[in-house]
Amino acid sequence: HPVYFSRLGWCYGDLGVAAALWQAGCALRN
């Protein structure tokens, strides 16, 4: 019973994941 929905905000969902990927990409030059 997978839950695909994620809220919009800092804590959960796309925005926080994107910020982390951005930071990692900058730090590791990915």
PDB file of all heavy atoms in Angstrom:
ATOM      1  N   HIS A   1       0.859  -1.205   0.000  1.00  0.00           N
ATOM      2  CA  HIS A   1       0.000   0.000   0.000  1.00  0.00           C
ATOM      3  C   HIS A   1       0.891   1.249   0.000  1.00  0.00           C
ATOM      4  O   HIS A   1       0.905   2.016   0.960  1.00  0.00           O
ATOM      5  CB  HIS A   1      -0.923   0.015   1.214  1.00  0.00           C
ATOM      6  CG  HIS A   1      -1.755  -1.218   1.358  1.00  0.00           C
ATOM      7  ND1 HIS A   1      -1.355  -2.305   2.128  1.00  0.00           N
ATOM      8  CD2 HIS A   1      -2.956  -1.558   0.799  1.00  0.00           C
ATOM      9  CE1 HIS A   1      -2.285  -3.243   2.065  1.00  0.00           C
ATOM     10  NE2 HIS A   1      -3.265  -2.817   1.262  1.00  0.00           N
ATOM     11  N   PRO A   2       1.631   1.465  -1.068  1.00  0.00           N
ATOM     12  CA  PRO A   2       2.569   2.589  -1.089  1.00  0.00           C
ATOM     13  C   PRO A   2       1.838   3.933  -1.079  1.00  0.00           C
ATOM     14  O   PRO A   2       0.773   4.088  -1.683  1.00  0.00           O
ATOM     15  CB  PRO A   2       3.326   2.385  -2.404  1.00  0.00           C
ATOM     16  CG  PRO A   2       2.405   1.588  -3.265  1.00  0.00           C
ATOM     17  CD  PRO A   2       1.649   0.696  -2.329  1.00  0.00           C
ATOM     18  N   VAL A   3       2.429   4.884  -0.368  1.00  0.00           N
ATOM     19  CA  VAL A   3       1.886   6.246  -0.319  1.00  0.00           C
ATOM     20  C   VAL A   3       2.786   7.124  -1.178  1.00  0.00           C
ATOM     21  O   VAL A   3       3.939   7.385  -0.836  1.00  0.00           O
ATOM     22  CB  VAL A   3       1.843   6.774   1.128  1.00  0.00           C
ATOM     23  CG1 VAL A   3       1.326   8.217   1.149  1.00  0.00           C
ATOM     24  CG2 VAL A   3       0.954   5.882   1.987  1.00  0.00           C
ATOM     25  N   TYR A   4       2.255   7.581  -2.286  1.00  0.00           N
ATOM     26  CA  TYR A   4       3.050   8.363  -3.231  1.00  0.00           C
ATOM     27  C   TYR A   4       3.023   9.860  -2.923  1.00  0.00           C
ATOM     28  O   TYR A   4       3.945  10.581  -3.300  1.00  0.00           O
ATOM     29  CB  TYR A   4       2.535   8.135  -4.660  1.00  0.00           C
ATOM     30  CG  TYR A   4       2.714   6.712  -5.134  1.00  0.00           C
ATOM     31  CD1 TYR A   4       1.658   5.805  -5.098  1.00  0.00           C
ATOM     32  CD2 TYR A   4       3.947   6.268  -5.612  1.00  0.00           C
ATOM     33  CE1 TYR A   4       1.816   4.494  -5.529  1.00  0.00           C
ATOM     34  CE2 TYR A   4       4.122   4.957  -6.044  1.00  0.00           C
ATOM     35  CZ  TYR A   4       3.046   4.081  -5.994  1.00  0.00           C
ATOM     36  OH  TYR A   4       3.220   2.783  -6.414  1.00  0.00           O
ATOM     37  N   PHE A   5       1.999  10.313  -2.256  1.00  0.00           N
ATOM     38  CA  PHE A   5       1.846  11.750  -1.995  1.00  0.00           C
ATOM     39  C   PHE A   5       2.921  12.266  -1.044  1.00  0.00           C
ATOM     40  O   PHE A   5       3.352  11.581  -0.114  1.00  0.00           O
ATOM     41  CB  PHE A   5       0.472  12.011  -1.361  1.00  0.00           C
ATOM     42  CG  PHE A   5       0.304  13.422  -0.845  1.00  0.00           C
ATOM     43  CD1 PHE A   5       0.026  14.464  -1.718  1.00  0.00           C
ATOM     44  CD2 PHE A   5       0.447  13.705   0.509  1.00  0.00           C
ATOM     45  CE1 PHE A   5      -0.113  15.767  -1.245  1.00  0.00           C
ATOM     46  CE2 PHE A   5       0.303  14.998   0.990  1.00  0.00           C
ATOM     47  CZ  PHE A   5       0.016  16.030   0.110  1.00  0.00           C
ATOM     48  N   SER A   6       3.368  13.479  -1.291  1.00  0.00           N
ATOM     49  CA  SER A   6       4.179  14.199  -0.306  1.00  0.00           C
ATOM     50  C   SER A   6       3.734  15.655  -0.274  1.00  0.00           C
ATOM     51  O   SER A   6       3.370  16.235  -1.298  1.00  0.00           O
ATOM     52  CB  SER A   6       5.677  14.103  -0.618  1.00  0.00           C
ATOM     53  OG  SER A   6       5.996  14.760  -1.828  1.00  0.00           O
ATOM     54  N   ARG A   7       3.768  16.223   0.918  1.00  0.00           N
ATOM     55  CA  ARG A   7       3.319  17.593   1.101  1.00  0.00           C
ATOM     56  C   ARG A   7       4.345  18.569   0.536  1.00  0.00           C
ATOM     57  O   ARG A   7       5.497  18.203   0.243  1.00  0.00           O
ATOM     58  CB  ARG A   7       3.078  17.872   2.581  1.00  0.00           C
ATOM     59  CG  ARG A   7       4.339  17.960   3.402  1.00  0.00           C
ATOM     60  CD  ARG A   7       4.060  17.927   4.891  1.00  0.00           C
ATOM     61  NE  ARG A   7       2.940  18.764   5.282  1.00  0.00           N
ATOM     62  CZ  ARG A   7       2.282  18.645   6.452  1.00  0.00           C
ATOM     63  NH1 ARG A   7       2.666  17.720   7.326  1.00  0.00           N
ATOM     64  NH2 ARG A   7       1.284  19.437   6.740  1.00  0.00           N
ATOM     65  N   LEU A   8       3.951  19.797   0.429  1.00  0.00           N
ATOM     66  CA  LEU A   8       4.841  20.869   0.001  1.00  0.00           C
ATOM     67  C   LEU A   8       5.308  21.604   1.245  1.00  0.00           C
ATOM     68  O   LEU A   8       4.499  22.110   2.018  1.00  0.00           O
ATOM     69  CB  LEU A   8       4.073  21.819  -0.919  1.00  0.00           C
ATOM     70  CG  LEU A   8       4.848  22.774  -1.822  1.00  0.00           C
ATOM     71  CD1 LEU A   8       5.806  22.028  -2.720  1.00  0.00           C
ATOM     72  CD2 LEU A   8       3.862  23.593  -2.659  1.00  0.00           C
ATOM     73  N   GLY A   9       6.614  21.642   1.470  1.00  0.00           N
ATOM     74  CA  GLY A   9       7.119  22.316   2.657  1.00  0.00           C
ATOM     75  C   GLY A   9       8.578  22.005   2.893  1.00  0.00           C
ATOM     76  O   GLY A   9       9.229  21.309   2.097  1.00  0.00           O
ATOM     77  N   TRP A  10       9.093  22.498   4.011  1.00  0.00           N
ATOM     78  CA  TRP A  10      10.488  22.253   4.367  1.00  0.00           C
ATOM     79  C   TRP A  10      10.713  20.826   4.838  1.00  0.00           C
ATOM     80  O   TRP A  10      11.685  20.174   4.456  1.00  0.00           O
ATOM     81  CB  TRP A  10      10.924  23.222   5.478  1.00  0.00           C
ATOM     82  CG  TRP A  10      12.242  22.861   6.097  1.00  0.00           C
ATOM     83  CD1 TRP A  10      13.479  23.084   5.556  1.00  0.00           C
ATOM     84  CD2 TRP A  10      12.471  22.191   7.350  1.00  0.00           C
ATOM     85  NE1 TRP A  10      14.466  22.588   6.397  1.00  0.00           N
ATOM     86  CE2 TRP A  10      13.870  22.036   7.502  1.00  0.00           C
ATOM     87  CE3 TRP A  10      11.631  21.711   8.352  1.00  0.00           C
ATOM     88  CZ2 TRP A  10      14.439  21.425   8.623  1.00  0.00           C
ATOM     89  CZ3 TRP A  10      12.188  21.094   9.466  1.00  0.00           C
ATOM     90  CH2 TRP A  10      13.581  20.964   9.603  1.00  0.00           C
ATOM     91  N   CYS A  11       9.833  20.319   5.669  1.00  0.00           N
ATOM     92  CA  CYS A  11      10.106  19.099   6.424  1.00  0.00           C
ATOM     93  C   CYS A  11      10.097  17.833   5.573  1.00  0.00           C
ATOM     94  O   CYS A  11      11.026  17.020   5.642  1.00  0.00           O
ATOM     95  CB  CYS A  11       9.133  18.966   7.593  1.00  0.00           C
ATOM     96  SG  CYS A  11       7.385  19.042   7.119  1.00  0.00           S
ATOM     97  N   TYR A  12       9.052  17.631   4.784  1.00  0.00           N
ATOM     98  CA  TYR A  12       8.895  16.430   3.964  1.00  0.00           C
ATOM     99  C   TYR A  12       8.706  16.826   2.505  1.00  0.00           C
ATOM    100  O   TYR A  12       8.224  17.906   2.195  1.00  0.00           O
ATOM    101  CB  TYR A  12       7.665  15.626   4.417  1.00  0.00           C
ATOM    102  CG  TYR A  12       7.882  14.787   5.649  1.00  0.00           C
ATOM    103  CD1 TYR A  12       7.711  15.328   6.913  1.00  0.00           C
ATOM    104  CD2 TYR A  12       8.256  13.452   5.552  1.00  0.00           C
ATOM    105  CE1 TYR A  12       7.909  14.557   8.060  1.00  0.00           C
ATOM    106  CE2 TYR A  12       8.451  12.671   6.686  1.00  0.00           C
ATOM    107  CZ  TYR A  12       8.271  13.232   7.935  1.00  0.00           C
ATOM    108  OH  TYR A  12       8.475  12.465   9.054  1.00  0.00           O
ATOM    109  N   GLY A  13       9.059  15.917   1.604  1.00  0.00           N
ATOM    110  CA  GLY A  13       8.706  16.091   0.216  1.00  0.00           C
ATOM    111  C   GLY A  13       9.778  16.679  -0.674  1.00  0.00           C
ATOM    112  O   GLY A  13      10.964  16.745  -0.323  1.00  0.00           O
ATOM    113  N   ASP A  14       9.339  17.116  -1.844  1.00  0.00           N
ATOM    114  CA  ASP A  14      10.230  17.495  -2.928  1.00  0.00           C
ATOM    115  C   ASP A  14      11.223  18.596  -2.578  1.00  0.00           C
ATOM    116  O   ASP A  14      12.395  18.544  -2.994  1.00  0.00           O
ATOM    117  CB  ASP A  14       9.403  17.967  -4.130  1.00  0.00           C
ATOM    118  CG  ASP A  14       8.638  16.839  -4.807  1.00  0.00           C
ATOM    119  OD1 ASP A  14       8.875  15.662  -4.475  1.00  0.00           O
ATOM    120  OD2 ASP A  14       7.800  17.145  -5.676  1.00  0.00           O
ATOM    121  N   LEU A  15      10.785  19.612  -1.848  1.00  0.00           N
ATOM    122  CA  LEU A  15      11.648  20.770  -1.635  1.00  0.00           C
ATOM    123  C   LEU A  15      12.866  20.437  -0.773  1.00  0.00           C
ATOM    124  O   LEU A  15      13.983  20.864  -1.078  1.00  0.00           O
ATOM    125  CB  LEU A  15      10.841  21.913  -1.002  1.00  0.00           C
ATOM    126  CG  LEU A  15       9.716  22.479  -1.875  1.00  0.00           C
ATOM    127  CD1 LEU A  15       8.961  23.571  -1.134  1.00  0.00           C
ATOM    128  CD2 LEU A  15      10.258  23.010  -3.198  1.00  0.00           C
ATOM    129  N   GLY A  16      12.657  19.688   0.291  1.00  0.00           N
ATOM    130  CA  GLY A  16      13.780  19.306   1.146  1.00  0.00           C
ATOM    131  C   GLY A  16      14.726  18.351   0.452  1.00  0.00           C
ATOM    132  O   GLY A  16      15.953  18.472   0.577  1.00  0.00           O
ATOM    133  N   VAL A  17      14.172  17.402  -0.300  1.00  0.00           N
ATOM    134  CA  VAL A  17      15.006  16.467  -1.063  1.00  0.00           C
ATOM    135  C   VAL A  17      15.839  17.235  -2.086  1.00  0.00           C
ATOM    136  O   VAL A  17      17.051  17.005  -2.235  1.00  0.00           O
ATOM    137  CB  VAL A  17      14.127  15.404  -1.746  1.00  0.00           C
ATOM    138  CG1 VAL A  17      14.936  14.626  -2.790  1.00  0.00           C
ATOM    139  CG2 VAL A  17      13.541  14.445  -0.723  1.00  0.00           C
ATOM    140  N   ALA A  18      15.214  18.170  -2.797  1.00  0.00           N
ATOM    141  CA  ALA A  18      15.922  18.942  -3.821  1.00  0.00           C
ATOM    142  C   ALA A  18      17.046  19.776  -3.215  1.00  0.00           C
ATOM    143  O   ALA A  18      18.151  19.851  -3.778  1.00  0.00           O
ATOM    144  CB  ALA A  18      14.946  19.840  -4.573  1.00  0.00           C
ATOM    145  N   ALA A  19      16.783  20.405  -2.063  1.00  0.00           N
ATOM    146  CA  ALA A  19      17.822  21.204  -1.417  1.00  0.00           C
ATOM    147  C   ALA A  19      19.017  20.341  -1.042  1.00  0.00           C
ATOM    148  O   ALA A  19      20.175  20.736  -1.225  1.00  0.00           O
ATOM    149  CB  ALA A  19      17.258  21.896  -0.179  1.00  0.00           C
ATOM    150  N   ALA A  20      18.751  19.138  -0.504  1.00  0.00           N
ATOM    151  CA  ALA A  20      19.843  18.241  -0.117  1.00  0.00           C
ATOM    152  C   ALA A  20      20.633  17.778  -1.342  1.00  0.00           C
ATOM    153  O   ALA A  20      21.871  17.723  -1.316  1.00  0.00           O
ATOM    154  CB  ALA A  20      19.291  17.039   0.644  1.00  0.00           C
ATOM    155  N   LEU A  21      19.946  17.438  -2.420  1.00  0.00           N
ATOM    156  CA  LEU A  21      20.638  17.018  -3.641  1.00  0.00           C
ATOM    157  C   LEU A  21      21.494  18.155  -4.195  1.00  0.00           C
ATOM    158  O   LEU A  21      22.612  17.927  -4.679  1.00  0.00           O
ATOM    159  CB  LEU A  21      19.628  16.566  -4.700  1.00  0.00           C
ATOM    160  CG  LEU A  21      18.905  15.239  -4.434  1.00  0.00           C
ATOM    161  CD1 LEU A  21      17.811  15.025  -5.472  1.00  0.00           C
ATOM    162  CD2 LEU A  21      19.889  14.067  -4.445  1.00  0.00           C
ATOM    163  N   TRP A  22      20.972  19.375  -4.129  1.00  0.00           N
ATOM    164  CA  TRP A  22      21.735  20.531  -4.583  1.00  0.00           C
ATOM    165  C   TRP A  22      23.020  20.694  -3.765  1.00  0.00           C
ATOM    166  O   TRP A  22      24.107  20.884  -4.313  1.00  0.00           O
ATOM    167  CB  TRP A  22      20.881  21.785  -4.499  1.00  0.00           C
ATOM    168  CG  TRP A  22      21.630  23.042  -4.802  1.00  0.00           C
ATOM    169  CD1 TRP A  22      22.208  23.916  -3.916  1.00  0.00           C
ATOM    170  CD2 TRP A  22      21.939  23.561  -6.104  1.00  0.00           C
ATOM    171  NE1 TRP A  22      22.840  24.944  -4.562  1.00  0.00           N
ATOM    172  CE2 TRP A  22      22.694  24.748  -5.917  1.00  0.00           C
ATOM    173  CE3 TRP A  22      21.649  23.137  -7.404  1.00  0.00           C
ATOM    174  CZ2 TRP A  22      23.151  25.519  -6.982  1.00  0.00           C
ATOM    175  CZ3 TRP A  22      22.107  23.901  -8.469  1.00  0.00           C
ATOM    176  CH2 TRP A  22      22.848  25.068  -8.252  1.00  0.00           C
ATOM    177  N   GLN A  23      22.879  20.615  -2.451  1.00  0.00           N
ATOM    178  CA  GLN A  23      24.043  20.779  -1.575  1.00  0.00           C
ATOM    179  C   GLN A  23      25.077  19.692  -1.818  1.00  0.00           C
ATOM    180  O   GLN A  23      26.282  19.964  -1.878  1.00  0.00           O
ATOM    181  CB  GLN A  23      23.582  20.775  -0.116  1.00  0.00           C
ATOM    182  CG  GLN A  23      22.750  21.986   0.261  1.00  0.00           C
ATOM    183  CD  GLN A  23      21.989  21.805   1.557  1.00  0.00           C
ATOM    184  OE1 GLN A  23      21.903  20.703   2.101  1.00  0.00           O
ATOM    185  NE2 GLN A  23      21.422  22.881   2.065  1.00  0.00           N
ATOM    186  N   ALA A  24      24.610  18.456  -1.962  1.00  0.00           N
ATOM    187  CA  ALA A  24      25.535  17.354  -2.220  1.00  0.00           C
ATOM    188  C   ALA A  24      26.206  17.517  -3.576  1.00  0.00           C
ATOM    189  O   ALA A  24      27.417  17.262  -3.725  1.00  0.00           O
ATOM    190  CB  ALA A  24      24.795  16.025  -2.152  1.00  0.00           C
ATOM    191  N   GLY A  25      25.436  17.923  -4.581  1.00  0.00           N
ATOM    192  CA  GLY A  25      26.000  18.123  -5.902  1.00  0.00           C
ATOM    193  C   GLY A  25      27.075  19.189  -5.909  1.00  0.00           C
ATOM    194  O   GLY A  25      28.120  19.034  -6.566  1.00  0.00           O
ATOM    195  N   CYS A  26      26.847  20.265  -5.164  1.00  0.00           N
ATOM    196  CA  CYS A  26      27.854  21.326  -5.069  1.00  0.00           C
ATOM    197  C   CYS A  26      29.091  20.836  -4.312  1.00  0.00           C
ATOM    198  O   CYS A  26      30.226  21.116  -4.706  1.00  0.00           O
ATOM    199  CB  CYS A  26      27.260  22.556  -4.387  1.00  0.00           C
ATOM    200  SG  CYS A  26      25.979  23.396  -5.347  1.00  0.00           S
ATOM    201  N   ALA A  27      28.873  20.118  -3.203  1.00  0.00           N
ATOM    202  CA  ALA A  27      29.992  19.677  -2.364  1.00  0.00           C
ATOM    203  C   ALA A  27      30.842  18.613  -3.053  1.00  0.00           C
ATOM    204  O   ALA A  27      32.073  18.630  -2.943  1.00  0.00           O
ATOM    205  CB  ALA A  27      29.466  19.156  -1.031  1.00  0.00           C
ATOM    206  N   LEU A  28      30.196  17.676  -3.740  1.00  0.00           N
ATOM    207  CA  LEU A  28      30.919  16.567  -4.374  1.00  0.00           C
ATOM    208  C   LEU A  28      31.088  16.770  -5.882  1.00  0.00           C
ATOM    209  O   LEU A  28      31.545  15.868  -6.581  1.00  0.00           O
ATOM    210  CB  LEU A  28      30.196  15.239  -4.111  1.00  0.00           C
ATOM    211  CG  LEU A  28      30.540  14.524  -2.791  1.00  0.00           C
ATOM    212  CD1 LEU A  28      30.106  15.332  -1.579  1.00  0.00           C
ATOM    213  CD2 LEU A  28      29.909  13.135  -2.747  1.00  0.00           C
ATOM    214  N   ARG A  29      30.686  17.941  -6.359  1.00  0.00           N
ATOM    215  CA  ARG A  29      30.816  18.291  -7.776  1.00  0.00           C
ATOM    216  C   ARG A  29      30.141  17.252  -8.672  1.00  0.00           C
ATOM    217  O   ARG A  29      30.716  16.770  -9.658  1.00  0.00           O
ATOM    218  CB  ARG A  29      32.286  18.463  -8.157  1.00  0.00           C
ATOM    219  CG  ARG A  29      32.959  19.579  -7.357  1.00  0.00           C
ATOM    220  CD  ARG A  29      34.408  19.747  -7.717  1.00  0.00           C
ATOM    221  NE  ARG A  29      35.022  20.807  -6.894  1.00  0.00           N
ATOM    222  CZ  ARG A  29      36.297  21.152  -6.960  1.00  0.00           C
ATOM    223  NH1 ARG A  29      37.107  20.537  -7.811  1.00  0.00           N
ATOM    224  NH2 ARG A  29      36.769  22.105  -6.190  1.00  0.00           N
ATOM    225  N   ASN A  30      28.894  16.957  -8.323  1.00  0.00           N
ATOM    226  CA  ASN A  30      28.106  15.989  -9.079  1.00  0.00           C
ATOM    227  C   ASN A  30      27.014  16.754  -9.832  1.00  0.00           C
ATOM    228  O   ASN A  30      25.997  17.150  -9.252  1.00  0.00           O
ATOM    229  CB  ASN A  30      27.502  14.949  -8.134  1.00  0.00           C
ATOM    230  CG  ASN A  30      26.802  13.819  -8.878  1.00  0.00           C
ATOM    231  OD1 ASN A  30      25.958  14.048  -9.738  1.00  0.00           O
ATOM    232  ND2 ASN A  30      27.157  12.584  -8.538  1.00  0.00           N
TER     233      ASN A  30
END
